[in-house]
């Protein structure tokens, strides 16, 4: 999958997420939003620049990483990841009613998987996420006044970092590193 294909896929997922919330946008509007979210002026500019970054078919490329984090309570997980951190659900899976949940989330290009299955992950994981505009993200979280987590910003030798801990002991370290 090329970088342009990935951006188009993000636009489709954005439209689907908004549609599930009762909001409708055109595919071209979604492409423009994705382009701006990736730091480009518009879709035409993004498409041209992303196409230049196309790797040859013989190059090994990793196109996405989705850490799996263990959860124990669906309601608490949704409150933390969706309501507080602002992630959108991309998929949900249960083998049957009453079985453990496996949940896909996404926000701004970050994909996380949450699982109630005991063999998928151990609680207490630590995920490091390179982040742009961390001060804006910090401000957004602070304004939500979430009772169980009020992260601060820490200036460390490797960058400006904000750590959150979910209700299950998993830590996510968002870090804006110097260019």
Protein backbone atom coordinates (compact mmCIF):
# COMPACT_ATOMS: atom_id res chain seq x y z
CA UNK A 1 0.00 0.00 0.00
CA UNK A 2 1.45 3.38 -0.97
CA UNK A 3 1.46 6.48 1.23
CA UNK A 4 -1.27 7.95 -0.98
CA UNK A 5 -3.34 4.78 -0.54
CA UNK A 6 -2.89 5.03 3.24
CA UNK A 7 -4.09 8.63 3.22
CA UNK A 8 -7.12 7.66 1.14
CA UNK A 9 -7.84 4.83 3.58
CA UNK A 10 -7.66 7.31 6.47
CA UNK A 11 -10.17 9.52 4.64
CA UNK A 12 -12.55 6.57 4.22
CA UNK A 13 -12.25 5.67 7.91
CA UNK A 14 -12.85 9.32 8.84
CA UNK A 15 -16.03 9.41 6.73
CA UNK A 16 -17.21 6.13 8.29
CA UNK A 17 -16.55 7.40 11.82
CA UNK A 18 -18.36 10.67 11.19
CA UNK A 19 -21.21 8.85 9.47
CA UNK A 20 -21.70 6.64 12.52
CA UNK A 21 -22.10 9.88 14.52
CA UNK A 22 -24.70 11.16 12.06
CA UNK A 23 -22.37 13.56 10.23
CA UNK A 24 -21.89 13.34 6.50
CA UNK A 25 -18.96 14.70 4.49
CA UNK A 26 -17.86 14.03 0.93
CA UNK A 27 -14.80 11.95 0.14
CA UNK A 28 -13.00 15.04 -1.17
CA UNK A 29 -13.72 16.88 2.10
CA UNK A 30 -12.31 13.92 4.03
CA UNK A 31 -9.18 13.94 1.83
CA UNK A 32 -8.68 17.65 2.52
CA UNK A 33 -9.01 17.07 6.29
CA UNK A 34 -6.51 14.19 6.19
CA UNK A 35 -4.09 16.31 4.14
CA UNK A 36 -4.23 19.15 6.67
CA UNK A 37 -3.90 16.70 9.58
CA UNK A 38 -0.71 15.39 7.95
CA UNK A 39 0.67 18.93 7.73
CA UNK A 40 -0.05 19.69 4.07
CA UNK A 41 -1.85 22.73 2.67
CA UNK A 42 -4.35 20.67 0.66
CA UNK A 43 -4.96 17.23 -0.86
CA UNK A 44 -3.15 17.99 -4.13
CA UNK A 45 0.01 18.97 -2.26
CA UNK A 46 -0.25 15.97 0.06
CA UNK A 47 -0.82 13.57 -2.82
CA UNK A 48 2.21 14.85 -4.70
CA UNK A 49 4.51 14.75 -1.67
CA UNK A 50 3.26 11.38 -0.45
CA UNK A 51 3.70 9.88 -3.91
CA UNK A 52 7.35 11.01 -3.94
CA UNK A 53 7.91 9.04 -0.74
CA UNK A 54 6.81 5.81 -2.39
CA UNK A 55 9.22 3.02 -1.53
CA UNK A 56 10.31 0.53 -4.13
CA UNK A 57 8.50 -2.81 -4.04
CA UNK A 58 11.68 -4.54 -2.82
CA UNK A 59 12.03 -2.27 0.25
CA UNK A 60 10.74 -3.61 3.54
CA UNK A 61 8.24 -1.15 4.95
CA UNK A 62 6.11 -1.22 8.05
CA UNK A 63 2.89 0.62 7.37
CA UNK A 64 1.18 0.52 10.75
CA UNK A 65 1.70 -0.65 14.31
CA UNK A 66 -1.26 -1.33 16.59
CA UNK A 67 -0.22 -2.12 20.16
CA UNK A 68 -2.64 -4.44 21.94
CA UNK A 69 -3.48 -3.29 25.46
CA UNK A 70 -5.25 -5.48 28.02
CA UNK A 71 -8.52 -4.17 29.47
CA UNK A 72 -10.93 -5.59 32.02
CA UNK A 73 -13.96 -3.31 31.84
CA UNK A 74 -15.50 -2.13 28.57
CA UNK A 75 -17.27 0.89 30.11
CA UNK A 76 -14.10 2.19 31.78
CA UNK A 77 -12.09 1.57 28.61
CA UNK A 78 -14.53 3.56 26.46
CA UNK A 79 -14.65 6.39 29.00
CA UNK A 80 -10.85 6.65 29.07
CA UNK A 81 -9.92 6.03 25.43
CA UNK A 82 -12.92 7.55 23.63
CA UNK A 83 -14.31 10.20 25.96
CA UNK A 84 -11.02 11.37 27.53
CA UNK A 85 -8.34 10.72 24.89
CA UNK A 86 -10.66 11.28 21.93
CA UNK A 87 -10.16 8.01 20.05
CA UNK A 88 -12.80 6.69 17.65
CA UNK A 89 -13.83 3.04 17.52
CA UNK A 90 -12.81 1.49 14.19
CA UNK A 91 -14.09 -2.03 14.89
CA UNK A 92 -15.45 -4.28 17.63
CA UNK A 93 -15.31 -8.07 17.79
CA UNK A 94 -16.74 -10.74 20.08
CA UNK A 95 -16.92 -14.39 19.14
CA UNK A 96 -20.43 -14.41 20.62
CA UNK A 97 -22.53 -12.53 23.14
CA UNK A 98 -20.97 -12.55 26.58
CA UNK A 99 -17.49 -13.28 25.23
CA UNK A 100 -14.47 -10.97 25.70
CA UNK A 101 -14.27 -7.81 23.61
CA UNK A 102 -11.54 -7.00 21.07
CA UNK A 103 -11.74 -3.32 20.11
CA UNK A 104 -9.90 -1.22 17.53
CA UNK A 105 -9.37 2.50 18.10
CA UNK A 106 -7.83 5.30 16.07
CA UNK A 107 -7.00 8.94 16.46
CA UNK A 108 -4.83 11.13 14.22
CA UNK A 109 -3.01 8.17 12.70
CA UNK A 110 -2.48 6.27 15.98
CA UNK A 111 -4.06 2.83 16.04
CA UNK A 112 -4.59 0.95 19.32
CA UNK A 113 -6.23 -2.40 19.95
CA UNK A 114 -7.85 -3.15 23.31
CA UNK A 115 -8.53 -6.70 24.38
CA UNK A 116 -10.35 -8.44 27.21
CA UNK A 117 -8.82 -11.77 26.06
CA UNK A 118 -6.37 -13.01 28.70
CA UNK A 119 -3.84 -14.32 26.16
CA UNK A 120 -3.56 -11.16 24.05
CA UNK A 121 -1.60 -8.87 26.35
CA UNK A 122 -0.52 -8.28 29.92
CA UNK A 123 -1.76 -5.33 31.95
CA UNK A 124 0.83 -2.69 32.71
CA UNK A 125 2.14 -2.24 29.17
CA UNK A 126 4.01 0.90 28.19
CA UNK A 127 3.55 2.47 24.72
CA UNK A 128 5.73 5.32 23.41
CA UNK A 129 4.03 7.55 20.81
CA UNK A 130 5.87 10.22 18.84
CA UNK A 131 3.49 13.18 18.85
CA UNK A 132 3.17 16.53 17.11
CA UNK A 133 1.50 19.54 18.79
CA UNK A 134 1.70 17.95 22.23
CA UNK A 135 0.92 21.23 24.01
CA UNK A 136 -2.40 21.43 22.16
CA UNK A 137 -3.18 17.79 23.05
CA UNK A 138 -2.29 18.49 26.69
CA UNK A 139 -4.56 21.57 26.73
CA UNK A 140 -7.41 19.52 25.23
CA UNK A 141 -7.09 16.83 27.92
CA UNK A 142 -6.77 19.37 30.74
CA UNK A 143 -10.01 21.07 29.65
CA UNK A 144 -11.92 17.78 29.94
CA UNK A 145 -11.27 17.67 33.71
CA UNK A 146 -11.24 13.85 33.69
CA UNK A 147 -11.35 12.87 37.37
CA UNK A 148 -8.98 9.91 37.13
CA UNK A 149 -6.10 11.34 35.10
CA UNK A 150 -4.66 14.84 34.85
CA UNK A 151 -1.40 14.44 32.97
CA UNK A 152 1.33 17.04 33.05
CA UNK A 153 4.03 17.92 30.54
CA UNK A 154 7.60 16.95 31.33
CA UNK A 155 10.61 18.40 29.51
CA UNK A 156 13.04 15.48 29.14
CA UNK A 157 16.35 15.19 27.28
CA UNK A 158 14.61 13.32 24.43
CA UNK A 159 11.58 15.62 24.16
CA UNK A 160 8.47 17.09 25.74
CA UNK A 161 6.48 14.20 27.18
CA UNK A 162 3.00 13.62 28.60
CA UNK A 163 2.14 10.27 30.16
CA UNK A 164 -1.36 8.92 30.75
CA UNK A 165 -2.25 5.73 32.60
CA UNK A 166 -5.43 3.88 31.72
CA UNK A 167 -7.71 2.25 34.34
CA UNK A 168 -5.90 -1.08 33.77
CA UNK A 169 -2.34 0.10 34.47
CA UNK A 170 -1.28 0.55 30.84
CA UNK A 171 0.81 3.67 30.23
CA UNK A 172 0.97 5.71 27.04
CA UNK A 173 3.83 8.18 26.74
CA UNK A 174 3.11 10.86 24.16
CA UNK A 175 6.36 12.62 23.27
CA UNK A 176 7.16 15.52 20.98
CA UNK A 177 10.78 15.12 20.04
CA UNK A 178 12.98 17.87 18.67
CA UNK A 179 13.29 17.76 14.91
